[in-house]
Structures are given as C-alpha cells and as structure tokens.
Amino acid sequence: MASLKRSYTKTTLQDLSAKIMERLEETDLFRQASCIALYHAISGEVQTAGLIEKWYREKKLLLPLIKGNDLQLLLYSGKESLKAGAFGILEPTEDCMAVPENEIDLIIVPGVAFDRQRNRLGRGKGFYDRLLSTLNVPKIGISYDFQLKDQIPVEPFDRKMDLIITEKEII
C-alpha cells in the first residue's frame, strides 16, 4: 500500500480528500447529524481540516484527545482550541468541553485500510476499537480508494462501519 500511496502527490491527495468530503456531506447520516465525532488527520489519512472549519459553527464537532489508552471526545471551538498531541496529531486542549456520548449522532473514522465487508484496519493501538465499543451510533469510515481492499484481517473486537466512503464509491 505504501508504494501505491507514494505515487500520489500531496495535491492529488488533497483533491481526493475534497471529493470524499463532498460525498460525506451528501449522505443523510451527515446531513441529519447535529453532533459528529471525527478526527484531525495525519499524513496519509483523508484530510478533514476543511470539513471541520466549514461545519463547526453549525454542528457540534468532537475531536479525540488521547488520554492514556483511550480517546476522549471534546468539542472543537476553533483552531485556537487545538494543540499538537501524541503522535503529532492536532488534538483539542484539555479545557475543551466534553459532550455526553448519548448526544453523539455520528462518528467519522480513519483507517489504514478498509474492506468491502465494511471492516476497518487501524494503526494497531486499539484507540478506535475501544471508543467504538462504547458508542452506539452510525460509523462512517473514510478512505482513499487505494486503501480499499477485498478483504482485511478481522479481530473479534473489531467494529464494522455502517458506510465506507472513498472518492469513487460509497459502500
């Protein structure tokens, strides 16, 4: 997969991310959600910064803060509420407001790879696996088409996505 990724330029990945964000915004799940948990992307992930800036004044957007072995979802209130956290990922500062999990309508999830059965392969630390086990909300995985595989390894604790969105299709 790394060799496939190398053949894409940063501009190309930004363009593909924009297409994926457009597809996401067109879904009923996104349109109807008033409180959405998502992530601030690192290199190689579908870029979400534009979506975050576009929507945070209209919808409650929650971003993860790494706390030990878990993710705490905190309300995003603008760029000034972010800091570089673990692994260099932009995270909300600890003084950002926590939102009860029962208010969350949707979660947007990154992954290293997804498959056509809507399984997700993460980075191996289990942060999202633990978080998804506590949330009973629709889960949308977003990825580039080259990250979509016919089948990936699955563990008993893995949670399937409700949708997977790439620049080419919605599964």
N, C-alpha and C. Protein backbone atom coordinates (compact mmCIF):
# COMPACT_ATOMS: atom_id res chain seq x y z
N MET A 1 0.82 -1.19 0.00
CA MET A 1 0.00 0.00 0.00
C MET A 1 0.86 1.25 0.00
N ALA A 2 1.99 1.21 0.70
CA ALA A 2 2.86 2.39 0.76
C ALA A 2 3.33 2.78 -0.64
N SER A 3 3.61 1.77 -1.48
CA SER A 3 4.06 2.10 -2.83
C SER A 3 2.95 2.75 -3.64
N LEU A 4 1.72 2.32 -3.42
CA LEU A 4 0.60 2.98 -4.10
C LEU A 4 0.47 4.42 -3.64
N LYS A 5 0.60 4.63 -2.34
CA LYS A 5 0.45 5.96 -1.78
C LYS A 5 1.52 6.90 -2.31
N ARG A 6 2.74 6.41 -2.48
CA ARG A 6 3.83 7.24 -2.95
C ARG A 6 3.57 7.79 -4.35
N SER A 7 2.76 7.11 -5.14
CA SER A 7 2.51 7.57 -6.50
C SER A 7 1.54 8.74 -6.55
N TYR A 8 0.96 9.11 -5.42
CA TYR A 8 0.05 10.24 -5.34
C TYR A 8 0.80 11.45 -4.80
N THR A 9 0.57 12.60 -5.39
CA THR A 9 1.18 13.82 -4.85
C THR A 9 0.30 14.36 -3.73
N LYS A 10 0.86 15.27 -2.95
CA LYS A 10 0.11 15.88 -1.86
C LYS A 10 -1.13 16.59 -2.41
N THR A 11 -0.97 17.26 -3.55
CA THR A 11 -2.11 17.95 -4.17
C THR A 11 -3.18 16.96 -4.59
N THR A 12 -2.76 15.84 -5.15
CA THR A 12 -3.72 14.82 -5.56
C THR A 12 -4.49 14.30 -4.35
N LEU A 13 -3.79 14.02 -3.24
CA LEU A 13 -4.47 13.52 -2.04
C LEU A 13 -5.41 14.57 -1.47
N GLN A 14 -5.05 15.84 -1.56
CA GLN A 14 -5.96 16.90 -1.12
C GLN A 14 -7.21 16.93 -1.99
N ASP A 15 -7.03 16.78 -3.30
CA ASP A 15 -8.18 16.74 -4.22
C ASP A 15 -9.07 15.54 -3.93
N LEU A 16 -8.46 14.38 -3.69
CA LEU A 16 -9.23 13.18 -3.38
C LEU A 16 -9.96 13.35 -2.05
N SER A 17 -9.29 13.94 -1.07
CA SER A 17 -9.93 14.21 0.22
C SER A 17 -11.15 15.11 0.03
N ALA A 18 -11.02 16.13 -0.80
CA ALA A 18 -12.15 17.04 -1.05
C ALA A 18 -13.33 16.29 -1.65
N LYS A 19 -13.06 15.37 -2.58
CA LYS A 19 -14.15 14.57 -3.17
C LYS A 19 -14.82 13.69 -2.12
N ILE A 20 -14.00 13.09 -1.25
CA ILE A 20 -14.54 12.24 -0.20
C ILE A 20 -15.41 13.07 0.75
N MET A 21 -14.95 14.27 1.10
CA MET A 21 -15.73 15.15 1.99
C MET A 21 -17.05 15.55 1.34
N GLU A 22 -17.04 15.81 0.04
CA GLU A 22 -18.29 16.13 -0.68
C GLU A 22 -19.26 14.96 -0.60
N ARG A 23 -18.77 13.76 -0.83
CA ARG A 23 -19.63 12.56 -0.74
C ARG A 23 -20.20 12.40 0.67
N LEU A 24 -19.34 12.63 1.67
CA LEU A 24 -19.78 12.54 3.06
C LEU A 24 -20.90 13.54 3.35
N GLU A 25 -20.70 14.78 2.93
CA GLU A 25 -21.69 15.83 3.18
C GLU A 25 -23.04 15.54 2.51
N GLU A 26 -23.03 14.74 1.46
CA GLU A 26 -24.26 14.41 0.74
C GLU A 26 -25.04 13.27 1.40
N THR A 27 -24.45 12.57 2.35
CA THR A 27 -25.16 11.45 2.98
C THR A 27 -26.23 11.97 3.95
N ASP A 28 -27.30 11.20 4.07
CA ASP A 28 -28.35 11.54 5.05
C ASP A 28 -27.80 11.51 6.46
N LEU A 29 -26.91 10.55 6.74
CA LEU A 29 -26.34 10.45 8.08
C LEU A 29 -25.64 11.75 8.48
N PHE A 30 -24.88 12.32 7.58
CA PHE A 30 -24.17 13.56 7.88
C PHE A 30 -25.16 14.73 7.97
N ARG A 31 -26.05 14.83 7.00
CA ARG A 31 -26.99 15.97 6.98
C ARG A 31 -27.87 16.01 8.22
N GLN A 32 -28.29 14.85 8.70
CA GLN A 32 -29.21 14.80 9.84
C GLN A 32 -28.51 14.88 11.19
N ALA A 33 -27.21 14.68 11.22
CA ALA A 33 -26.48 14.69 12.49
C ALA A 33 -26.23 16.11 12.96
N SER A 34 -26.46 16.34 14.24
CA SER A 34 -26.14 17.65 14.82
C SER A 34 -24.87 17.59 15.65
N CYS A 35 -24.45 16.39 16.05
CA CYS A 35 -23.23 16.23 16.85
C CYS A 35 -22.42 15.08 16.22
N ILE A 36 -21.24 15.42 15.71
CA ILE A 36 -20.44 14.46 14.95
C ILE A 36 -19.04 14.36 15.56
N ALA A 37 -18.63 13.13 15.85
CA ALA A 37 -17.26 12.89 16.27
C ALA A 37 -16.45 12.57 15.01
N LEU A 38 -15.30 13.19 14.89
CA LEU A 38 -14.42 12.91 13.76
C LEU A 38 -12.99 13.09 14.22
N TYR A 39 -12.06 13.27 13.33
CA TYR A 39 -10.65 13.30 13.69
C TYR A 39 -9.94 14.38 12.89
N HIS A 40 -8.81 14.82 13.41
CA HIS A 40 -7.93 15.72 12.67
C HIS A 40 -6.87 14.83 12.05
N ALA A 41 -6.78 14.83 10.74
CA ALA A 41 -5.97 13.86 10.00
C ALA A 41 -4.47 14.08 10.15
N ILE A 42 -3.75 12.97 10.07
CA ILE A 42 -2.30 12.99 9.94
C ILE A 42 -1.98 12.65 8.49
N SER A 43 -0.72 12.75 8.13
CA SER A 43 -0.29 12.45 6.77
C SER A 43 -0.73 11.03 6.38
N GLY A 44 -1.26 10.89 5.19
CA GLY A 44 -1.69 9.59 4.70
C GLY A 44 -3.16 9.29 4.95
N GLU A 45 -3.81 10.07 5.82
CA GLU A 45 -5.23 9.89 6.09
C GLU A 45 -6.03 10.90 5.26
N VAL A 46 -7.29 10.58 5.04
CA VAL A 46 -8.18 11.53 4.38
C VAL A 46 -8.20 12.81 5.22
N GLN A 47 -7.93 13.92 4.56
CA GLN A 47 -7.80 15.20 5.25
C GLN A 47 -9.18 15.76 5.62
N THR A 48 -9.33 16.13 6.89
CA THR A 48 -10.63 16.57 7.42
C THR A 48 -10.65 18.04 7.84
N ALA A 49 -9.51 18.72 7.80
CA ALA A 49 -9.43 20.10 8.33
C ALA A 49 -10.44 21.03 7.65
N GLY A 50 -10.59 20.94 6.34
CA GLY A 50 -11.54 21.79 5.63
C GLY A 50 -12.97 21.56 6.08
N LEU A 51 -13.34 20.30 6.25
CA LEU A 51 -14.69 19.96 6.72
C LEU A 51 -14.92 20.50 8.13
N ILE A 52 -13.92 20.34 8.98
CA ILE A 52 -14.04 20.82 10.36
C ILE A 52 -14.29 22.32 10.37
N GLU A 53 -13.48 23.06 9.63
CA GLU A 53 -13.63 24.53 9.60
C GLU A 53 -14.96 24.95 8.97
N LYS A 54 -15.40 24.20 8.00
CA LYS A 54 -16.65 24.54 7.31
C LYS A 54 -17.87 24.36 8.21
N TRP A 55 -17.86 23.33 9.06
CA TRP A 55 -19.08 22.93 9.77
C TRP A 55 -19.11 23.20 11.27
N TYR A 56 -18.01 23.56 11.91
CA TYR A 56 -18.03 23.58 13.38
C TYR A 56 -18.93 24.65 13.97
N ARG A 57 -19.32 25.65 13.20
CA ARG A 57 -20.24 26.67 13.72
C ARG A 57 -21.71 26.23 13.59
N GLU A 58 -21.95 25.24 12.74
CA GLU A 58 -23.33 24.78 12.50
C GLU A 58 -23.66 23.47 13.20
N LYS A 59 -22.66 22.64 13.42
CA LYS A 59 -22.84 21.34 14.07
C LYS A 59 -21.83 21.24 15.20
N LYS A 60 -22.16 20.47 16.22
CA LYS A 60 -21.18 20.19 17.26
C LYS A 60 -20.21 19.17 16.67
N LEU A 61 -18.94 19.54 16.61
CA LEU A 61 -17.91 18.63 16.11
C LEU A 61 -16.99 18.27 17.27
N LEU A 62 -16.82 16.98 17.47
CA LEU A 62 -15.99 16.49 18.55
C LEU A 62 -14.72 15.88 17.98
N LEU A 63 -13.59 16.20 18.59
CA LEU A 63 -12.31 15.65 18.17
C LEU A 63 -11.71 14.85 19.33
N PRO A 64 -10.94 13.82 19.01
CA PRO A 64 -10.38 12.98 20.07
C PRO A 64 -9.12 13.57 20.70
N LEU A 65 -9.04 13.40 22.00
CA LEU A 65 -7.85 13.69 22.79
C LEU A 65 -7.39 12.36 23.37
N ILE A 66 -6.13 12.02 23.14
CA ILE A 66 -5.61 10.75 23.68
C ILE A 66 -5.36 10.93 25.17
N LYS A 67 -6.04 10.09 25.95
CA LYS A 67 -5.88 10.08 27.42
C LYS A 67 -5.49 8.66 27.82
N GLY A 68 -4.20 8.44 28.03
CA GLY A 68 -3.74 7.10 28.35
C GLY A 68 -3.93 6.18 27.15
N ASN A 69 -4.76 5.15 27.34
CA ASN A 69 -5.04 4.20 26.25
C ASN A 69 -6.37 4.46 25.57
N ASP A 70 -7.01 5.56 25.90
CA ASP A 70 -8.36 5.83 25.38
C ASP A 70 -8.43 7.18 24.67
N LEU A 71 -9.52 7.36 23.95
CA LEU A 71 -9.81 8.63 23.31
C LEU A 71 -10.95 9.31 24.06
N GLN A 72 -10.76 10.57 24.38
CA GLN A 72 -11.82 11.37 24.97
C GLN A 72 -12.27 12.35 23.90
N LEU A 73 -13.57 12.41 23.65
CA LEU A 73 -14.10 13.29 22.61
C LEU A 73 -14.45 14.65 23.22
N LEU A 74 -13.86 15.71 22.65
CA LEU A 74 -14.07 17.06 23.17
C LEU A 74 -14.55 17.98 22.05
N LEU A 75 -15.34 18.96 22.42
CA LEU A 75 -15.94 19.89 21.46
C LEU A 75 -14.88 20.79 20.84
N TYR A 76 -14.88 20.85 19.52
CA TYR A 76 -13.99 21.74 18.78
C TYR A 76 -14.61 23.13 18.74
N SER A 77 -13.82 24.14 19.08
CA SER A 77 -14.36 25.51 19.09
C SER A 77 -13.49 26.48 18.31
N GLY A 78 -12.66 25.99 17.41
CA GLY A 78 -11.81 26.83 16.59
C GLY A 78 -10.35 26.40 16.70
N LYS A 79 -9.55 26.88 15.74
CA LYS A 79 -8.15 26.47 15.67
C LYS A 79 -7.38 26.75 16.95
N GLU A 80 -7.77 27.81 17.66
CA GLU A 80 -7.07 28.15 18.91
C GLU A 80 -7.30 27.11 20.00
N SER A 81 -8.27 26.21 19.81
CA SER A 81 -8.56 25.18 20.81
C SER A 81 -7.77 23.89 20.56
N LEU A 82 -6.83 23.93 19.60
CA LEU A 82 -6.04 22.74 19.26
C LEU A 82 -4.60 22.87 19.71
N LYS A 83 -3.98 21.72 19.96
CA LYS A 83 -2.55 21.65 20.25
C LYS A 83 -2.04 20.35 19.63
N ALA A 84 -0.76 20.29 19.37
CA ALA A 84 -0.16 19.05 18.90
C ALA A 84 -0.09 18.09 20.08
N GLY A 85 -0.65 16.91 19.89
CA GLY A 85 -0.69 15.93 20.96
C GLY A 85 0.18 14.74 20.64
N ALA A 86 -0.22 13.61 21.20
CA ALA A 86 0.50 12.36 20.96
C ALA A 86 0.57 12.07 19.47
N PHE A 87 1.69 11.56 19.03
CA PHE A 87 1.91 11.19 17.63
C PHE A 87 1.86 12.39 16.69
N GLY A 88 1.93 13.63 17.23
CA GLY A 88 1.89 14.83 16.40
C GLY A 88 0.51 15.17 15.85
N ILE A 89 -0.51 14.54 16.36
CA ILE A 89 -1.88 14.77 15.89
C ILE A 89 -2.45 16.00 16.59
N LEU A 90 -3.10 16.87 15.83
CA LEU A 90 -3.77 18.02 16.44
C LEU A 90 -4.95 17.52 17.27
N GLU A 91 -4.96 17.92 18.54
CA GLU A 91 -6.00 17.50 19.48
C GLU A 91 -6.58 18.72 20.18
N PRO A 92 -7.81 18.58 20.69
CA PRO A 92 -8.35 19.67 21.50
C PRO A 92 -7.55 19.79 22.80
N THR A 93 -7.49 20.98 23.33
CA THR A 93 -6.85 21.16 24.64
C THR A 93 -7.77 20.57 25.70
N GLU A 94 -7.20 20.22 26.84
CA GLU A 94 -7.97 19.55 27.89
C GLU A 94 -9.08 20.41 28.47
N ASP A 95 -9.00 21.73 28.28
CA ASP A 95 -10.06 22.59 28.82
C ASP A 95 -11.25 22.70 27.88
N CYS A 96 -11.22 22.02 26.74
CA CYS A 96 -12.38 21.99 25.84
C CYS A 96 -13.51 21.19 26.50
N MET A 97 -14.72 21.51 26.11
CA MET A 97 -15.90 20.91 26.73
C MET A 97 -16.11 19.46 26.28
N ALA A 98 -16.36 18.59 27.24
CA ALA A 98 -16.76 17.21 26.94
C ALA A 98 -18.25 17.20 26.65
N VAL A 99 -18.67 16.35 25.75
CA VAL A 99 -20.09 16.21 25.38
C VAL A 99 -20.49 14.78 25.72
N PRO A 100 -21.63 14.60 26.40
CA PRO A 100 -22.07 13.23 26.72
C PRO A 100 -22.19 12.36 25.47
N GLU A 101 -21.74 11.12 25.58
CA GLU A 101 -21.77 10.22 24.43
C GLU A 101 -23.17 10.03 23.86
N ASN A 102 -24.20 10.16 24.68
CA ASN A 102 -25.56 9.96 24.16
C ASN A 102 -26.02 11.11 23.27
N GLU A 103 -25.25 12.20 23.19
CA GLU A 103 -25.57 13.30 22.28
C GLU A 103 -24.94 13.12 20.90
N ILE A 104 -24.02 12.18 20.77
CA ILE A 104 -23.32 11.98 19.50
C ILE A 104 -24.24 11.25 18.52
N ASP A 105 -24.37 11.81 17.31
CA ASP A 105 -25.23 11.24 16.28
C ASP A 105 -24.47 10.40 15.26
N LEU A 106 -23.17 10.63 15.12
CA LEU A 106 -22.39 10.02 14.05
C LEU A 106 -20.91 10.10 14.41
N ILE A 107 -20.15 9.08 13.98
CA ILE A 107 -18.70 9.15 14.12
C ILE A 107 -18.05 8.86 12.77
N ILE A 108 -17.08 9.70 12.41
CA ILE A 108 -16.29 9.55 11.18
C ILE A 108 -14.95 8.97 11.61
N VAL A 109 -14.55 7.85 11.00
CA VAL A 109 -13.42 7.07 11.49
C VAL A 109 -12.33 6.94 10.42
N PRO A 110 -11.07 7.18 10.82
CA PRO A 110 -9.96 6.93 9.89
C PRO A 110 -9.56 5.46 9.93
N GLY A 111 -8.73 5.08 8.97
CA GLY A 111 -8.20 3.72 8.98
C GLY A 111 -7.02 3.61 8.03
N VAL A 112 -6.21 2.61 8.25
CA VAL A 112 -5.11 2.31 7.35
C VAL A 112 -5.67 1.63 6.09
N ALA A 113 -6.71 0.80 6.30
CA ALA A 113 -7.36 0.10 5.19
C ALA A 113 -8.78 -0.27 5.63
N PHE A 114 -9.63 -0.47 4.64
CA PHE A 114 -11.00 -0.94 4.84
C PHE A 114 -11.23 -2.03 3.80
N ASP A 115 -12.27 -2.87 4.04
CA ASP A 115 -12.62 -3.84 3.00
C ASP A 115 -14.09 -3.71 2.63
N ARG A 116 -14.47 -4.46 1.63
CA ARG A 116 -15.83 -4.35 1.08
C ARG A 116 -16.90 -4.90 2.01
N GLN A 117 -16.48 -5.57 3.08
CA GLN A 117 -17.44 -6.03 4.09
C GLN A 117 -17.58 -4.98 5.20
N ARG A 118 -16.99 -3.81 4.99
CA ARG A 118 -17.04 -2.64 5.88
C ARG A 118 -16.20 -2.83 7.15
N ASN A 119 -15.19 -3.68 7.07
CA ASN A 119 -14.25 -3.84 8.18
C ASN A 119 -13.17 -2.77 8.07
N ARG A 120 -12.56 -2.46 9.21
CA ARG A 120 -11.56 -1.41 9.31
C ARG A 120 -10.28 -1.97 9.91
N LEU A 121 -9.16 -1.57 9.34
CA LEU A 121 -7.86 -1.88 9.89
C LEU A 121 -7.25 -0.57 10.39
N GLY A 122 -6.98 -0.51 11.68
CA GLY A 122 -6.42 0.70 12.27
C GLY A 122 -4.91 0.62 12.34
N ARG A 123 -4.34 1.47 13.17
CA ARG A 123 -2.88 1.55 13.29
C ARG A 123 -2.32 0.61 14.36
N GLY A 124 -3.19 -0.17 15.00
CA GLY A 124 -2.71 -1.21 15.90
C GLY A 124 -2.70 -0.87 17.38
N LYS A 125 -3.02 0.34 17.75
CA LYS A 125 -3.01 0.72 19.16
C LYS A 125 -4.37 0.48 19.83
N GLY A 126 -5.42 0.28 19.04
CA GLY A 126 -6.74 -0.04 19.59
C GLY A 126 -7.55 1.15 20.09
N PHE A 127 -7.07 2.38 19.88
CA PHE A 127 -7.80 3.55 20.36
C PHE A 127 -9.24 3.57 19.83
N TYR A 128 -9.39 3.43 18.51
CA TYR A 128 -10.74 3.49 17.93
C TYR A 128 -11.55 2.25 18.25
N ASP A 129 -10.91 1.09 18.35
CA ASP A 129 -11.65 -0.12 18.72
C ASP A 129 -12.30 0.06 20.09
N ARG A 130 -11.54 0.60 21.04
CA ARG A 130 -12.10 0.82 22.39
C ARG A 130 -13.21 1.88 22.34
N LEU A 131 -12.99 2.96 21.63
CA LEU A 131 -14.00 4.02 21.54
C LEU A 131 -15.28 3.49 20.87
N LEU A 132 -15.13 2.80 19.76
CA LEU A 132 -16.30 2.32 19.02
C LEU A 132 -17.09 1.28 19.82
N SER A 133 -16.43 0.59 20.73
CA SER A 133 -17.14 -0.39 21.55
C SER A 133 -18.08 0.28 22.55
N THR A 134 -17.87 1.57 22.81
CA THR A 134 -18.72 2.30 23.78
C THR A 134 -19.79 3.15 23.11
N LEU A 135 -19.67 3.36 21.81
CA LEU A 135 -20.62 4.23 21.10
C LEU A 135 -21.62 3.41 20.30
N ASN A 136 -22.89 3.72 20.44
CA ASN A 136 -23.92 3.05 19.66
C ASN A 136 -24.49 4.06 18.67
N VAL A 137 -23.65 4.47 17.73
CA VAL A 137 -24.04 5.45 16.71
C VAL A 137 -23.55 4.97 15.36
N PRO A 138 -24.11 5.49 14.27
CA PRO A 138 -23.59 5.13 12.94
C PRO A 138 -22.11 5.49 12.82
N LYS A 139 -21.38 4.62 12.13
CA LYS A 139 -19.94 4.78 11.94
C LYS A 139 -19.64 4.84 10.45
N ILE A 140 -18.98 5.92 10.04
CA ILE A 140 -18.58 6.06 8.64
C ILE A 140 -17.06 6.06 8.57
N GLY A 141 -16.51 5.11 7.83
CA GLY A 141 -15.08 5.08 7.56
C GLY A 141 -14.82 5.85 6.29
N ILE A 142 -13.80 6.69 6.31
CA ILE A 142 -13.44 7.42 5.09
C ILE A 142 -12.02 7.04 4.70
N SER A 143 -11.84 6.78 3.42
CA SER A 143 -10.52 6.35 2.95
C SER A 143 -10.37 6.64 1.47
N TYR A 144 -9.13 6.65 1.06
CA TYR A 144 -8.85 6.74 -0.37
C TYR A 144 -9.15 5.38 -1.00
N ASP A 145 -9.49 5.39 -2.26
CA ASP A 145 -9.83 4.15 -2.95
C ASP A 145 -8.68 3.13 -2.87
N PHE A 146 -7.43 3.60 -2.91
CA PHE A 146 -6.31 2.65 -2.86
C PHE A 146 -6.18 1.99 -1.49
N GLN A 147 -6.90 2.48 -0.48
CA GLN A 147 -6.90 1.85 0.85
C GLN A 147 -8.01 0.81 0.98
N LEU A 148 -8.86 0.70 -0.02
CA LEU A 148 -9.97 -0.24 0.00
C LEU A 148 -9.51 -1.57 -0.58
N LYS A 149 -9.65 -2.62 0.23
CA LYS A 149 -9.21 -3.96 -0.16
C LYS A 149 -10.41 -4.90 -0.25
N ASP A 150 -10.22 -6.02 -0.91
CA ASP A 150 -11.30 -7.01 -0.97
C ASP A 150 -11.55 -7.61 0.40
N GLN A 151 -10.47 -7.83 1.17
CA GLN A 151 -10.61 -8.41 2.50
C GLN A 151 -9.39 -8.01 3.33
N ILE A 152 -9.64 -7.73 4.61
CA ILE A 152 -8.55 -7.42 5.55
C ILE A 152 -8.71 -8.33 6.77
N PRO A 153 -7.64 -8.50 7.55
CA PRO A 153 -7.75 -9.33 8.76
C PRO A 153 -8.71 -8.68 9.76
N VAL A 154 -9.51 -9.51 10.42
CA VAL A 154 -10.50 -9.01 11.37
C VAL A 154 -10.32 -9.73 12.70
N GLU A 155 -10.40 -8.97 13.78
CA GLU A 155 -10.34 -9.50 15.14
C GLU A 155 -11.74 -9.47 15.74
N PRO A 156 -12.01 -10.29 16.76
CA PRO A 156 -13.35 -10.34 17.36
C PRO A 156 -13.83 -8.99 17.91
N PHE A 157 -12.91 -8.14 18.34
CA PHE A 157 -13.29 -6.85 18.92
C PHE A 157 -13.48 -5.75 17.89
N ASP A 158 -13.15 -6.01 16.62
CA ASP A 158 -13.31 -5.00 15.57
C ASP A 158 -14.78 -4.68 15.33
N ARG A 159 -15.06 -3.43 15.04
CA ARG A 159 -16.42 -2.97 14.76
C ARG A 159 -16.54 -2.62 13.28
N LYS A 160 -17.58 -3.14 12.64
CA LYS A 160 -17.83 -2.82 11.24
C LYS A 160 -18.33 -1.38 11.12
N MET A 161 -18.00 -0.78 10.00
CA MET A 161 -18.53 0.54 9.68
C MET A 161 -19.93 0.37 9.10
N ASP A 162 -20.75 1.40 9.23
CA ASP A 162 -22.06 1.39 8.58
C ASP A 162 -21.92 1.79 7.12
N LEU A 163 -20.99 2.69 6.84
CA LEU A 163 -20.66 3.10 5.48
C LEU A 163 -19.16 3.27 5.38
N ILE A 164 -18.65 3.07 4.18
CA ILE A 164 -17.28 3.45 3.85
C ILE A 164 -17.37 4.34 2.63
N ILE A 165 -16.71 5.48 2.72
CA ILE A 165 -16.74 6.45 1.62
C ILE A 165 -15.33 6.64 1.08
N THR A 166 -15.19 6.44 -0.23
CA THR A 166 -13.95 6.77 -0.93
C THR A 166 -14.29 7.83 -1.97
N GLU A 167 -13.27 8.28 -2.69
CA GLU A 167 -13.54 9.25 -3.76
C GLU A 167 -14.33 8.65 -4.90
N LYS A 168 -14.39 7.32 -4.98
CA LYS A 168 -15.04 6.65 -6.10
C LYS A 168 -16.39 6.03 -5.77
N GLU A 169 -16.63 5.69 -4.49
CA GLU A 169 -17.87 4.98 -4.17
C GLU A 169 -18.22 5.07 -2.69
N ILE A 170 -19.45 4.69 -2.41
CA ILE A 170 -19.93 4.53 -1.04
C ILE A 170 -20.36 3.09 -0.88
N ILE A 171 -19.81 2.45 0.13
CA ILE A 171 -20.12 1.03 0.37
C ILE A 171 -20.95 0.94 1.64
